PDB file of all heavy atoms in Angstrom:
ATOM      1  N   ILE A   1     -15.152   0.689  -2.324  1.00  0.00           N
ATOM      2  CA  ILE A   1     -16.332   1.147  -3.094  1.00  0.00           C
ATOM      3  C   ILE A   1     -17.372   0.035  -3.183  1.00  0.00           C
ATOM      4  O   ILE A   1     -18.551   0.271  -2.884  1.00  0.00           O
ATOM      5  CB  ILE A   1     -15.913   1.599  -4.509  1.00  0.00           C
ATOM      6  CG1 ILE A   1     -15.109   2.915  -4.413  1.00  0.00           C
ATOM      7  CG2 ILE A   1     -17.143   1.817  -5.381  1.00  0.00           C
ATOM      8  CD1 ILE A   1     -14.465   3.347  -5.716  1.00  0.00           C
ATOM      9  N   TYR A   2     -16.941  -1.154  -3.590  1.00  0.00           N
ATOM     10  CA  TYR A   2     -17.904  -2.227  -3.863  1.00  0.00           C
ATOM     11  C   TYR A   2     -18.168  -3.145  -2.662  1.00  0.00           C
ATOM     12  O   TYR A   2     -19.262  -3.635  -2.494  1.00  0.00           O
ATOM     13  CB  TYR A   2     -17.460  -3.044  -5.052  1.00  0.00           C
ATOM     14  CG  TYR A   2     -17.415  -2.232  -6.322  1.00  0.00           C
ATOM     15  CD1 TYR A   2     -16.222  -1.912  -6.940  1.00  0.00           C
ATOM     16  CD2 TYR A   2     -18.584  -1.725  -6.867  1.00  0.00           C
ATOM     17  CE1 TYR A   2     -16.183  -1.139  -8.085  1.00  0.00           C
ATOM     18  CE2 TYR A   2     -18.574  -0.956  -8.032  1.00  0.00           C
ATOM     19  CZ  TYR A   2     -17.368  -0.675  -8.617  1.00  0.00           C
ATOM     20  OH  TYR A   2     -17.349   0.103  -9.772  1.00  0.00           O
ATOM     21  N   GLY A   3     -17.169  -3.356  -1.821  1.00  0.00           N
ATOM     22  CA  GLY A   3     -17.338  -4.255  -0.688  1.00  0.00           C
ATOM     23  C   GLY A   3     -17.880  -3.573   0.566  1.00  0.00           C
ATOM     24  O   GLY A   3     -18.763  -4.084   1.229  1.00  0.00           O
ATOM     25  N   LEU A   4     -17.326  -2.402   0.866  1.00  0.00           N
ATOM     26  CA  LEU A   4     -17.754  -1.675   2.063  1.00  0.00           C
ATOM     27  C   LEU A   4     -18.783  -0.618   1.780  1.00  0.00           C
ATOM     28  O   LEU A   4     -19.330  -0.004   2.704  1.00  0.00           O
ATOM     29  CB  LEU A   4     -16.523  -1.023   2.719  1.00  0.00           C
ATOM     30  CG  LEU A   4     -15.399  -1.943   3.186  1.00  0.00           C
ATOM     31  CD1 LEU A   4     -14.239  -1.129   3.732  1.00  0.00           C
ATOM     32  CD2 LEU A   4     -15.886  -2.935   4.220  1.00  0.00           C
ATOM     33  N   ASN A   5     -19.017  -0.368   0.510  1.00  0.00           N
ATOM     34  CA  ASN A   5     -19.965   0.663   0.083  1.00  0.00           C
ATOM     35  C   ASN A   5     -19.592   2.042   0.625  1.00  0.00           C
ATOM     36  O   ASN A   5     -20.435   2.850   0.995  1.00  0.00           O
ATOM     37  CB  ASN A   5     -21.398   0.290   0.443  1.00  0.00           C
ATOM     38  CG  ASN A   5     -22.404   1.002  -0.443  1.00  0.00           C
ATOM     39  OD1 ASN A   5     -22.043   1.470  -1.518  1.00  0.00           O
ATOM     40  ND2 ASN A   5     -23.658   1.086   0.013  1.00  0.00           N
ATOM     41  N   ASN A   6     -18.268   2.278   0.687  1.00  0.00           N
ATOM     42  CA  ASN A   6     -17.750   3.565   1.170  1.00  0.00           C
ATOM     43  C   ASN A   6     -17.065   4.228  -0.012  1.00  0.00           C
ATOM     44  O   ASN A   6     -15.857   4.027  -0.267  1.00  0.00           O
ATOM     45  CB  ASN A   6     -16.780   3.338   2.335  1.00  0.00           C
ATOM     46  CG  ASN A   6     -16.361   4.635   2.987  1.00  0.00           C
ATOM     47  OD1 ASN A   6     -16.505   5.712   2.416  1.00  0.00           O
ATOM     48  ND2 ASN A   6     -15.833   4.529   4.198  1.00  0.00           N
ATOM     49  N   HIS A   7     -17.789   5.052  -0.747  1.00  0.00           N
ATOM     50  CA  HIS A   7     -17.268   5.629  -1.975  1.00  0.00           C
ATOM     51  C   HIS A   7     -16.189   6.698  -1.692  1.00  0.00           C
ATOM     52  O   HIS A   7     -15.279   6.823  -2.485  1.00  0.00           O
ATOM     53  CB  HIS A   7     -18.405   6.247  -2.775  1.00  0.00           C
ATOM     54  CG  HIS A   7     -19.389   5.217  -3.273  1.00  0.00           C
ATOM     55  ND1 HIS A   7     -19.140   4.470  -4.405  1.00  0.00           N
ATOM     56  CD2 HIS A   7     -20.557   4.784  -2.790  1.00  0.00           C
ATOM     57  CE1 HIS A   7     -20.129   3.648  -4.605  1.00  0.00           C
ATOM     58  NE2 HIS A   7     -21.010   3.806  -3.619  1.00  0.00           N
ATOM     59  N   TYR A   8     -16.312   7.408  -0.595  1.00  0.00           N
ATOM     60  CA  TYR A   8     -15.309   8.442  -0.274  1.00  0.00           C
ATOM     61  C   TYR A   8     -13.928   7.815  -0.049  1.00  0.00           C
ATOM     62  O   TYR A   8     -12.924   8.274  -0.607  1.00  0.00           O
ATOM     63  CB  TYR A   8     -15.705   9.267   0.945  1.00  0.00           C
ATOM     64  CG  TYR A   8     -16.938  10.085   0.709  1.00  0.00           C
ATOM     65  CD1 TYR A   8     -18.137   9.839   1.376  1.00  0.00           C
ATOM     66  CD2 TYR A   8     -16.912  11.153  -0.195  1.00  0.00           C
ATOM     67  CE1 TYR A   8     -19.249  10.604   1.149  1.00  0.00           C
ATOM     68  CE2 TYR A   8     -18.036  11.920  -0.428  1.00  0.00           C
ATOM     69  CZ  TYR A   8     -19.206  11.626   0.252  1.00  0.00           C
ATOM     70  OH  TYR A   8     -20.312  12.405   0.020  1.00  0.00           O
ATOM     71  N   LEU A   9     -13.871   6.777   0.780  1.00  0.00           N
ATOM     72  CA  LEU A   9     -12.598   6.105   1.047  1.00  0.00           C
ATOM     73  C   LEU A   9     -12.054   5.467  -0.226  1.00  0.00           C
ATOM     74  O   LEU A   9     -10.861   5.559  -0.517  1.00  0.00           O
ATOM     75  CB  LEU A   9     -12.785   5.066   2.143  1.00  0.00           C
ATOM     76  CG  LEU A   9     -11.533   4.262   2.551  1.00  0.00           C
ATOM     77  CD1 LEU A   9     -10.466   5.213   3.067  1.00  0.00           C
ATOM     78  CD2 LEU A   9     -11.895   3.192   3.563  1.00  0.00           C
ATOM     79  N   GLY A  10     -12.913   4.820  -0.986  1.00  0.00           N
ATOM     80  CA  GLY A  10     -12.480   4.145  -2.227  1.00  0.00           C
ATOM     81  C   GLY A  10     -11.919   5.135  -3.235  1.00  0.00           C
ATOM     82  O   GLY A  10     -10.837   4.906  -3.826  1.00  0.00           O
ATOM     83  N   ASN A  11     -12.634   6.223  -3.449  1.00  0.00           N
ATOM     84  CA  ASN A  11     -12.137   7.248  -4.380  1.00  0.00           C
ATOM     85  C   ASN A  11     -10.838   7.875  -3.894  1.00  0.00           C
ATOM     86  O   ASN A  11      -9.956   8.183  -4.684  1.00  0.00           O
ATOM     87  CB  ASN A  11     -13.189   8.318  -4.584  1.00  0.00           C
ATOM     88  CG  ASN A  11     -14.361   7.820  -5.402  1.00  0.00           C
ATOM     89  OD1 ASN A  11     -14.207   6.891  -6.196  1.00  0.00           O
ATOM     90  ND2 ASN A  11     -15.514   8.426  -5.214  1.00  0.00           N
ATOM     91  N   PHE A  12     -10.710   8.065  -2.586  1.00  0.00           N
ATOM     92  CA  PHE A  12      -9.494   8.609  -1.997  1.00  0.00           C
ATOM     93  C   PHE A  12      -8.296   7.695  -2.295  1.00  0.00           C
ATOM     94  O   PHE A  12      -7.223   8.135  -2.679  1.00  0.00           O
ATOM     95  CB  PHE A  12      -9.654   8.825  -0.489  1.00  0.00           C
ATOM     96  CG  PHE A  12      -8.437   9.362   0.178  1.00  0.00           C
ATOM     97  CD1 PHE A  12      -8.021  10.667  -0.037  1.00  0.00           C
ATOM     98  CD2 PHE A  12      -7.686   8.539   1.020  1.00  0.00           C
ATOM     99  CE1 PHE A  12      -6.888  11.162   0.570  1.00  0.00           C
ATOM    100  CE2 PHE A  12      -6.556   9.008   1.628  1.00  0.00           C
ATOM    101  CZ  PHE A  12      -6.142  10.335   1.400  1.00  0.00           C
ATOM    102  N   MET A  13      -8.493   6.378  -2.107  1.00  0.00           N
ATOM    103  CA  MET A  13      -7.414   5.420  -2.348  1.00  0.00           C
ATOM    104  C   MET A  13      -7.009   5.414  -3.818  1.00  0.00           C
ATOM    105  O   MET A  13      -5.815   5.372  -4.144  1.00  0.00           O
ATOM    106  CB  MET A  13      -7.870   4.017  -1.944  1.00  0.00           C
ATOM    107  CG  MET A  13      -8.138   3.836  -0.490  1.00  0.00           C
ATOM    108  SD  MET A  13      -6.595   3.645   0.374  1.00  0.00           S
ATOM    109  CE  MET A  13      -7.196   2.911   1.882  1.00  0.00           C
ATOM    110  N   ILE A  14      -7.993   5.441  -4.695  1.00  0.00           N
ATOM    111  CA  ILE A  14      -7.685   5.436  -6.137  1.00  0.00           C
ATOM    112  C   ILE A  14      -6.985   6.727  -6.547  1.00  0.00           C
ATOM    113  O   ILE A  14      -6.039   6.730  -7.344  1.00  0.00           O
ATOM    114  CB  ILE A  14      -8.968   5.180  -6.952  1.00  0.00           C
ATOM    115  CG1 ILE A  14      -9.431   3.733  -6.709  1.00  0.00           C
ATOM    116  CG2 ILE A  14      -8.727   5.421  -8.446  1.00  0.00           C
ATOM    117  CD1 ILE A  14     -10.752   3.386  -7.270  1.00  0.00           C
ATOM    118  N   LEU A  15      -7.403   7.831  -5.980  1.00  0.00           N
ATOM    119  CA  LEU A  15      -6.730   9.105  -6.277  1.00  0.00           C
ATOM    120  C   LEU A  15      -5.290   9.133  -5.724  1.00  0.00           C
ATOM    121  O   LEU A  15      -4.413   9.745  -6.357  1.00  0.00           O
ATOM    122  CB  LEU A  15      -7.523  10.279  -5.714  1.00  0.00           C
ATOM    123  CG  LEU A  15      -8.766  10.648  -6.503  1.00  0.00           C
ATOM    124  CD1 LEU A  15      -9.566  11.728  -5.791  1.00  0.00           C
ATOM    125  CD2 LEU A  15      -8.401  11.079  -7.895  1.00  0.00           C
ATOM    126  N   LEU A  16      -5.050   8.473  -4.624  1.00  0.00           N
ATOM    127  CA  LEU A  16      -3.678   8.343  -4.131  1.00  0.00           C
ATOM    128  C   LEU A  16      -2.811   7.557  -5.116  1.00  0.00           C
ATOM    129  O   LEU A  16      -1.657   7.894  -5.330  1.00  0.00           O
ATOM    130  CB  LEU A  16      -3.645   7.670  -2.759  1.00  0.00           C
ATOM    131  CG  LEU A  16      -3.967   8.528  -1.551  1.00  0.00           C
ATOM    132  CD1 LEU A  16      -3.915   7.699  -0.277  1.00  0.00           C
ATOM    133  CD2 LEU A  16      -2.993   9.676  -1.445  1.00  0.00           C
ATOM    134  N   ALA A  17      -3.401   6.513  -5.729  1.00  0.00           N
ATOM    135  CA  ALA A  17      -2.665   5.741  -6.717  1.00  0.00           C
ATOM    136  C   ALA A  17      -2.363   6.606  -7.934  1.00  0.00           C
ATOM    137  O   ALA A  17      -1.227   6.557  -8.489  1.00  0.00           O
ATOM    138  CB  ALA A  17      -3.456   4.513  -7.116  1.00  0.00           C
ATOM    139  N   VAL A  18      -3.315   7.413  -8.380  1.00  0.00           N
ATOM    140  CA  VAL A  18      -3.093   8.304  -9.519  1.00  0.00           C
ATOM    141  C   VAL A  18      -2.030   9.337  -9.163  1.00  0.00           C
ATOM    142  O   VAL A  18      -1.135   9.629  -9.988  1.00  0.00           O
ATOM    143  CB  VAL A  18      -4.418   8.980  -9.903  1.00  0.00           C
ATOM    144  CG1 VAL A  18      -4.196  10.104 -10.901  1.00  0.00           C
ATOM    145  CG2 VAL A  18      -5.398   7.959 -10.461  1.00  0.00           C
ATOM    146  N   LEU A  19      -2.063   9.862  -7.964  1.00  0.00           N
ATOM    147  CA  LEU A  19      -1.058  10.845  -7.514  1.00  0.00           C
ATOM    148  C   LEU A  19       0.343  10.219  -7.496  1.00  0.00           C
ATOM    149  O   LEU A  19       1.321  10.859  -7.884  1.00  0.00           O
ATOM    150  CB  LEU A  19      -1.424  11.393  -6.137  1.00  0.00           C
ATOM    151  CG  LEU A  19      -0.526  12.475  -5.586  1.00  0.00           C
ATOM    152  CD1 LEU A  19      -0.589  13.712  -6.487  1.00  0.00           C
ATOM    153  CD2 LEU A  19      -0.933  12.842  -4.178  1.00  0.00           C
ATOM    154  N   GLU A  20       0.435   8.970  -7.087  1.00  0.00           N
ATOM    155  CA  GLU A  20       1.717   8.267  -7.082  1.00  0.00           C
ATOM    156  C   GLU A  20       2.236   8.116  -8.509  1.00  0.00           C
ATOM    157  O   GLU A  20       3.448   8.256  -8.767  1.00  0.00           O
ATOM    158  CB  GLU A  20       1.592   6.892  -6.399  1.00  0.00           C
ATOM    159  CG  GLU A  20       2.867   6.125  -6.322  1.00  0.00           C
ATOM    160  CD  GLU A  20       3.953   6.817  -5.511  1.00  0.00           C
ATOM    161  OE1 GLU A  20       3.649   7.497  -4.527  1.00  0.00           O
ATOM    162  OE2 GLU A  20       5.148   6.646  -5.872  1.00  0.00           O
ATOM    163  N   CYS A  21       1.353   7.817  -9.464  1.00  0.00           N
ATOM    164  CA  CYS A  21       1.764   7.705 -10.880  1.00  0.00           C
ATOM    165  C   CYS A  21       2.276   9.074 -11.394  1.00  0.00           C
ATOM    166  O   CYS A  21       3.262   9.128 -12.102  1.00  0.00           O
ATOM    167  CB  CYS A  21       0.586   7.234 -11.731  1.00  0.00           C
ATOM    168  SG  CYS A  21       0.119   5.531 -11.432  1.00  0.00           S
ATOM    169  N   ILE A  22       1.588  10.138 -11.039  1.00  0.00           N
ATOM    170  CA  ILE A  22       1.987  11.463 -11.459  1.00  0.00           C
ATOM    171  C   ILE A  22       3.346  11.835 -10.856  1.00  0.00           C
ATOM    172  O   ILE A  22       4.227  12.366 -11.534  1.00  0.00           O
ATOM    173  CB  ILE A  22       0.918  12.513 -11.097  1.00  0.00           C
ATOM    174  CG1 ILE A  22      -0.331  12.260 -11.972  1.00  0.00           C
ATOM    175  CG2 ILE A  22       1.433  13.935 -11.274  1.00  0.00           C
ATOM    176  CD1 ILE A  22      -1.527  13.071 -11.530  1.00  0.00           C
ATOM    177  N   ALA A  23       3.538  11.504  -9.582  1.00  0.00           N
ATOM    178  CA  ALA A  23       4.813  11.797  -8.913  1.00  0.00           C
ATOM    179  C   ALA A  23       5.949  11.024  -9.591  1.00  0.00           C
ATOM    180  O   ALA A  23       7.050  11.561  -9.726  1.00  0.00           O
ATOM    181  CB  ALA A  23       4.716  11.442  -7.443  1.00  0.00           C
ATOM    182  N   TYR A  24       5.723   9.791  -9.969  1.00  0.00           N
ATOM    183  CA  TYR A  24       6.760   8.999 -10.639  1.00  0.00           C
ATOM    184  C   TYR A  24       7.085   9.604 -12.003  1.00  0.00           C
ATOM    185  O   TYR A  24       8.249   9.712 -12.386  1.00  0.00           O
ATOM    186  CB  TYR A  24       6.330   7.542 -10.779  1.00  0.00           C
ATOM    187  CG  TYR A  24       7.365   6.709 -11.468  1.00  0.00           C
ATOM    188  CD1 TYR A  24       8.523   6.294 -10.801  1.00  0.00           C
ATOM    189  CD2 TYR A  24       7.244   6.373 -12.814  1.00  0.00           C
ATOM    190  CE1 TYR A  24       9.501   5.541 -11.450  1.00  0.00           C
ATOM    191  CE2 TYR A  24       8.205   5.620 -13.450  1.00  0.00           C
ATOM    192  CZ  TYR A  24       9.324   5.223 -12.765  1.00  0.00           C
ATOM    193  OH  TYR A  24      10.287   4.485 -13.416  1.00  0.00           O
ATOM    194  N   TYR A  25       6.057  10.012 -12.740  1.00  0.00           N
ATOM    195  CA  TYR A  25       6.254  10.558 -14.077  1.00  0.00           C
ATOM    196  C   TYR A  25       7.040  11.875 -14.059  1.00  0.00           C
ATOM    197  O   TYR A  25       7.887  12.120 -14.903  1.00  0.00           O
ATOM    198  CB  TYR A  25       4.886  10.782 -14.757  1.00  0.00           C
ATOM    199  CG  TYR A  25       4.995  11.264 -16.152  1.00  0.00           C
ATOM    200  CD1 TYR A  25       5.337  10.391 -17.197  1.00  0.00           C
ATOM    201  CD2 TYR A  25       4.779  12.608 -16.498  1.00  0.00           C
ATOM    202  CE1 TYR A  25       5.441  10.835 -18.508  1.00  0.00           C
ATOM    203  CE2 TYR A  25       4.869  13.052 -17.780  1.00  0.00           C
ATOM    204  CZ  TYR A  25       5.212  12.163 -18.794  1.00  0.00           C
ATOM    205  OH  TYR A  25       5.323  12.602 -20.080  1.00  0.00           O
ATOM    206  N   PHE A  26       6.793  12.723 -13.050  1.00  0.00           N
ATOM    207  CA  PHE A  26       7.433  14.023 -12.966  1.00  0.00           C
ATOM    208  C   PHE A  26       8.574  14.066 -11.964  1.00  0.00           C
ATOM    209  O   PHE A  26       8.991  15.153 -11.556  1.00  0.00           O
ATOM    210  CB  PHE A  26       6.417  15.108 -12.610  1.00  0.00           C
ATOM    211  CG  PHE A  26       5.443  15.419 -13.703  1.00  0.00           C
ATOM    212  CD1 PHE A  26       4.133  14.994 -13.635  1.00  0.00           C
ATOM    213  CD2 PHE A  26       5.846  16.081 -14.841  1.00  0.00           C
ATOM    214  CE1 PHE A  26       3.239  15.274 -14.655  1.00  0.00           C
ATOM    215  CE2 PHE A  26       5.003  16.362 -15.877  1.00  0.00           C
ATOM    216  CZ  PHE A  26       3.683  15.958 -15.781  1.00  0.00           C
ATOM    217  N   LYS A  27       9.132  12.918 -11.576  1.00  0.00           N
ATOM    218  CA  LYS A  27      10.172  12.921 -10.513  1.00  0.00           C
ATOM    219  C   LYS A  27      11.420  13.677 -10.904  1.00  0.00           C
ATOM    220  O   LYS A  27      12.016  14.356 -10.087  1.00  0.00           O
ATOM    221  CB  LYS A  27      10.465  11.517 -10.039  1.00  0.00           C
ATOM    222  CG  LYS A  27      11.206  10.698 -11.053  1.00  0.00           C
ATOM    223  CD  LYS A  27      11.468   9.304 -10.514  1.00  0.00           C
ATOM    224  CE  LYS A  27      12.102   8.513 -11.608  1.00  0.00           C
ATOM    225  NZ  LYS A  27      12.305   7.158 -11.255  1.00  0.00           N
ATOM    226  N   GLU A  28      11.828  13.582 -12.166  1.00  0.00           N
ATOM    227  CA  GLU A  28      13.024  14.300 -12.585  1.00  0.00           C
ATOM    228  C   GLU A  28      12.818  15.821 -12.519  1.00  0.00           C
ATOM    229  O   GLU A  28      13.639  16.532 -11.954  1.00  0.00           O
ATOM    230  CB  GLU A  28      13.447  13.923 -14.003  1.00  0.00           C
ATOM    231  CG  GLU A  28      14.655  14.692 -14.483  1.00  0.00           C
ATOM    232  CD  GLU A  28      15.064  14.348 -15.895  1.00  0.00           C
ATOM    233  OE1 GLU A  28      14.623  13.338 -16.436  1.00  0.00           O
ATOM    234  OE2 GLU A  28      15.831  15.140 -16.475  1.00  0.00           O
ATOM    235  N   ALA A  29      11.725  16.288 -13.083  1.00  0.00           N
ATOM    236  CA  ALA A  29      11.453  17.731 -13.070  1.00  0.00           C
ATOM    237  C   ALA A  29      11.332  18.246 -11.646  1.00  0.00           C
ATOM    238  O   ALA A  29      11.832  19.340 -11.327  1.00  0.00           O
ATOM    239  CB  ALA A  29      10.179  18.020 -13.853  1.00  0.00           C
ATOM    240  N   TRP A  30      10.677  17.505 -10.786  1.00  0.00           N
ATOM    241  CA  TRP A  30      10.514  17.915  -9.396  1.00  0.00           C
ATOM    242  C   TRP A  30      11.850  17.923  -8.667  1.00  0.00           C
ATOM    243  O   TRP A  30      12.158  18.845  -7.908  1.00  0.00           O
ATOM    244  CB  TRP A  30       9.506  17.003  -8.702  1.00  0.00           C
ATOM    245  CG  TRP A  30       9.266  17.296  -7.263  1.00  0.00           C
ATOM    246  CD1 TRP A  30       9.373  16.418  -6.224  1.00  0.00           C
ATOM    247  CD2 TRP A  30       8.889  18.545  -6.670  1.00  0.00           C
ATOM    248  NE1 TRP A  30       9.085  17.035  -5.033  1.00  0.00           N
ATOM    249  CE2 TRP A  30       8.790  18.349  -5.270  1.00  0.00           C
ATOM    250  CE3 TRP A  30       8.641  19.811  -7.162  1.00  0.00           C
ATOM    251  CZ2 TRP A  30       8.452  19.356  -4.386  1.00  0.00           C
ATOM    252  CZ3 TRP A  30       8.307  20.824  -6.289  1.00  0.00           C
ATOM    253  CH2 TRP A  30       8.221  20.600  -4.924  1.00  0.00           C
ATOM    254  N   TRP A  31      12.687  16.904  -8.885  1.00  0.00           N
ATOM    255  CA  TRP A  31      14.002  16.862  -8.229  1.00  0.00           C
ATOM    256  C   TRP A  31      14.872  18.021  -8.682  1.00  0.00           C
ATOM    257  O   TRP A  31      15.510  18.692  -7.885  1.00  0.00           O
ATOM    258  CB  TRP A  31      14.692  15.516  -8.532  1.00  0.00           C
ATOM    259  CG  TRP A  31      15.981  15.369  -7.794  1.00  0.00           C
ATOM    260  CD1 TRP A  31      16.157  14.907  -6.527  1.00  0.00           C
ATOM    261  CD2 TRP A  31      17.282  15.697  -8.285  1.00  0.00           C
ATOM    262  NE1 TRP A  31      17.495  14.920  -6.205  1.00  0.00           N
ATOM    263  CE2 TRP A  31      18.218  15.403  -7.273  1.00  0.00           C
ATOM    264  CE3 TRP A  31      17.761  16.187  -9.485  1.00  0.00           C
ATOM    265  CZ2 TRP A  31      19.582  15.590  -7.419  1.00  0.00           C
ATOM    266  CZ3 TRP A  31      19.125  16.389  -9.633  1.00  0.00           C
ATOM    267  CH2 TRP A  31      20.019  16.103  -8.602  1.00  0.00           C
ATOM    268  N   VAL A  32      14.897  18.274 -10.014  1.00  0.00           N
ATOM    269  CA  VAL A  32      15.684  19.385 -10.551  1.00  0.00           C
ATOM    270  C   VAL A  32      15.229  20.714  -9.965  1.00  0.00           C
ATOM    271  O   VAL A  32      16.040  21.531  -9.560  1.00  0.00           O
ATOM    272  CB  VAL A  32      15.641  19.399 -12.102  1.00  0.00           C
ATOM    273  CG1 VAL A  32      16.223  20.682 -12.643  1.00  0.00           C
ATOM    274  CG2 VAL A  32      16.364  18.185 -12.673  1.00  0.00           C
ATOM    275  N   GLN A  33      13.924  20.919  -9.905  1.00  0.00           N
ATOM    276  CA  GLN A  33      13.386  22.189  -9.372  1.00  0.00           C
ATOM    277  C   GLN A  33      13.758  22.354  -7.908  1.00  0.00           C
ATOM    278  O   GLN A  33      14.104  23.460  -7.477  1.00  0.00           O
ATOM    279  CB  GLN A  33      11.889  22.263  -9.587  1.00  0.00           C
ATOM    280  CG  GLN A  33      11.341  23.638  -9.342  1.00  0.00           C
ATOM    281  CD  GLN A  33      11.966  24.678 -10.268  1.00  0.00           C
ATOM    282  OE1 GLN A  33      12.093  24.473 -11.472  1.00  0.00           O
ATOM    283  NE2 GLN A  33      12.370  25.787  -9.704  1.00  0.00           N
ATOM    284  N   ARG A  34      13.671  21.285  -7.120  1.00  0.00           N
ATOM    285  CA  ARG A  34      14.022  21.380  -5.693  1.00  0.00           C
ATOM    286  C   ARG A  34      15.501  21.740  -5.532  1.00  0.00           C
ATOM    287  O   ARG A  34      15.873  22.520  -4.652  1.00  0.00           O
ATOM    288  CB  ARG A  34      13.754  20.046  -4.987  1.00  0.00           C
ATOM    289  CG  ARG A  34      12.326  19.847  -4.664  1.00  0.00           C
ATOM    290  CD  ARG A  34      12.069  18.679  -3.705  1.00  0.00           C
ATOM    291  NE  ARG A  34      13.052  17.644  -3.697  1.00  0.00           N
ATOM    292  CZ  ARG A  34      12.916  16.436  -4.250  1.00  0.00           C
ATOM    293  NH1 ARG A  34      11.813  16.131  -4.897  1.00  0.00           N
ATOM    294  NH2 ARG A  34      13.858  15.541  -4.160  1.00  0.00           N
ATOM    295  N   GLN A  35      16.370  21.207  -6.412  1.00  0.00           N
ATOM    296  CA  GLN A  35      17.793  21.537  -6.341  1.00  0.00           C
ATOM    297  C   GLN A  35      18.020  23.001  -6.689  1.00  0.00           C
ATOM    298  O   GLN A  35      18.851  23.674  -6.092  1.00  0.00           O
ATOM    299  CB  GLN A  35      18.614  20.622  -7.242  1.00  0.00           C
ATOM    300  CG  GLN A  35      18.472  19.151  -6.971  1.00  0.00           C
ATOM    301  CD  GLN A  35      18.633  18.777  -5.549  1.00  0.00           C
ATOM    302  OE1 GLN A  35      19.576  19.133  -4.873  1.00  0.00           O
ATOM    303  NE2 GLN A  35      17.667  18.037  -5.016  1.00  0.00           N
ATOM    304  N   LEU A  36      17.289  23.477  -7.695  1.00  0.00           N
ATOM    305  CA  LEU A  36      17.444  24.888  -8.072  1.00  0.00           C
ATOM    306  C   LEU A  36      16.967  25.834  -6.983  1.00  0.00           C
ATOM    307  O   LEU A  36      17.500  26.916  -6.819  1.00  0.00           O
ATOM    308  CB  LEU A  36      16.699  25.165  -9.392  1.00  0.00           C
ATOM    309  CG  LEU A  36      17.322  24.544 -10.640  1.00  0.00           C
ATOM    310  CD1 LEU A  36      16.399  24.710 -11.832  1.00  0.00           C
ATOM    311  CD2 LEU A  36      18.680  25.166 -10.939  1.00  0.00           C
ATOM    312  N   TRP A  37      15.952  25.419  -6.253  1.00  0.00           N
ATOM    313  CA  TRP A  37      15.441  26.253  -5.146  1.00  0.00           C
ATOM    314  C   TRP A  37      16.336  26.186  -3.915  1.00  0.00           C
ATOM    315  O   TRP A  37      16.204  27.027  -3.016  1.00  0.00           O
ATOM    316  CB  TRP A  37      14.040  25.797  -4.739  1.00  0.00           C
ATOM    317  CG  TRP A  37      12.967  26.188  -5.707  1.00  0.00           C
ATOM    318  CD1 TRP A  37      13.024  27.179  -6.641  1.00  0.00           C
ATOM    319  CD2 TRP A  37      11.689  25.582  -5.837  1.00  0.00           C
ATOM    320  NE1 TRP A  37      11.830  27.225  -7.338  1.00  0.00           N
ATOM    321  CE2 TRP A  37      10.995  26.276  -6.867  1.00  0.00           C
ATOM    322  CE3 TRP A  37      11.044  24.540  -5.193  1.00  0.00           C
ATOM    323  CZ2 TRP A  37       9.712  25.919  -7.238  1.00  0.00           C
ATOM    324  CZ3 TRP A  37       9.778  24.225  -5.592  1.00  0.00           C
ATOM    325  CH2 TRP A  37       9.106  24.892  -6.599  1.00  0.00           C
ATOM    326  N   SER A  38      17.206  25.193  -3.862  1.00  0.00           N
ATOM    327  CA  SER A  38      18.056  25.051  -2.681  1.00  0.00           C
ATOM    328  C   SER A  38      19.068  26.189  -2.626  1.00  0.00           C
ATOM    329  O   SER A  38      19.254  26.952  -3.556  1.00  0.00           O
ATOM    330  CB  SER A  38      18.800  23.716  -2.697  1.00  0.00           C
ATOM    331  OG  SER A  38      19.821  23.721  -3.669  1.00  0.00           O
ATOM    332  N   ARG A  39      19.752  26.254  -1.510  1.00  0.00           N
ATOM    333  CA  ARG A  39      20.752  27.330  -1.317  1.00  0.00           C
ATOM    334  C   ARG A  39      21.894  27.222  -2.324  1.00  0.00           C
ATOM    335  O   ARG A  39      22.497  28.200  -2.716  1.00  0.00           O
ATOM    336  CB  ARG A  39      21.285  27.226   0.103  1.00  0.00           C
ATOM    337  CG  ARG A  39      22.098  28.416   0.568  1.00  0.00           C
ATOM    338  CD  ARG A  39      22.473  28.251   1.986  1.00  0.00           C
ATOM    339  NE  ARG A  39      23.633  27.392   2.083  1.00  0.00           N
ATOM    340  CZ  ARG A  39      24.755  27.736   2.656  1.00  0.00           C
ATOM    341  NH1 ARG A  39      24.861  28.920   3.202  1.00  0.00           N
ATOM    342  NH2 ARG A  39      25.775  26.947   2.697  1.00  0.00           N
ATOM    343  N   ALA A  40      22.195  25.994  -2.747  1.00  0.00           N
ATOM    344  CA  ALA A  40      23.314  25.789  -3.656  1.00  0.00           C
ATOM    345  C   ALA A  40      22.955  26.061  -5.128  1.00  0.00           C
ATOM    346  O   ALA A  40      23.847  26.264  -5.934  1.00  0.00           O
ATOM    347  CB  ALA A  40      23.799  24.338  -3.530  1.00  0.00           C
ATOM    348  N   GLY A  41      21.694  26.119  -5.451  1.00  0.00           N
ATOM    349  CA  GLY A  41      21.270  26.302  -6.832  1.00  0.00           C
ATOM    350  C   GLY A  41      21.825  27.554  -7.445  1.00  0.00           C
ATOM    351  O   GLY A  41      21.733  28.644  -6.894  1.00  0.00           O
ATOM    352  N   GLY A  42      22.409  27.418  -8.635  1.00  0.00           N
ATOM    353  CA  GLY A  42      22.936  28.584  -9.355  1.00  0.00           C
ATOM    354  C   GLY A  42      24.337  29.004  -8.925  1.00  0.00           C
ATOM    355  O   GLY A  42      24.883  29.941  -9.506  1.00  0.00           O
TER     356      GLY A  42
END
């Protein structure tokens, strides 16, 4: 954003960091749901 003056790339990188934080926060719920959707679930 500030060095290359490329706001699209900069915002994309920061959004990837935010997405990684969200994935870490919801990893248990996501893992449990994937197991329930699997053939063995239930």
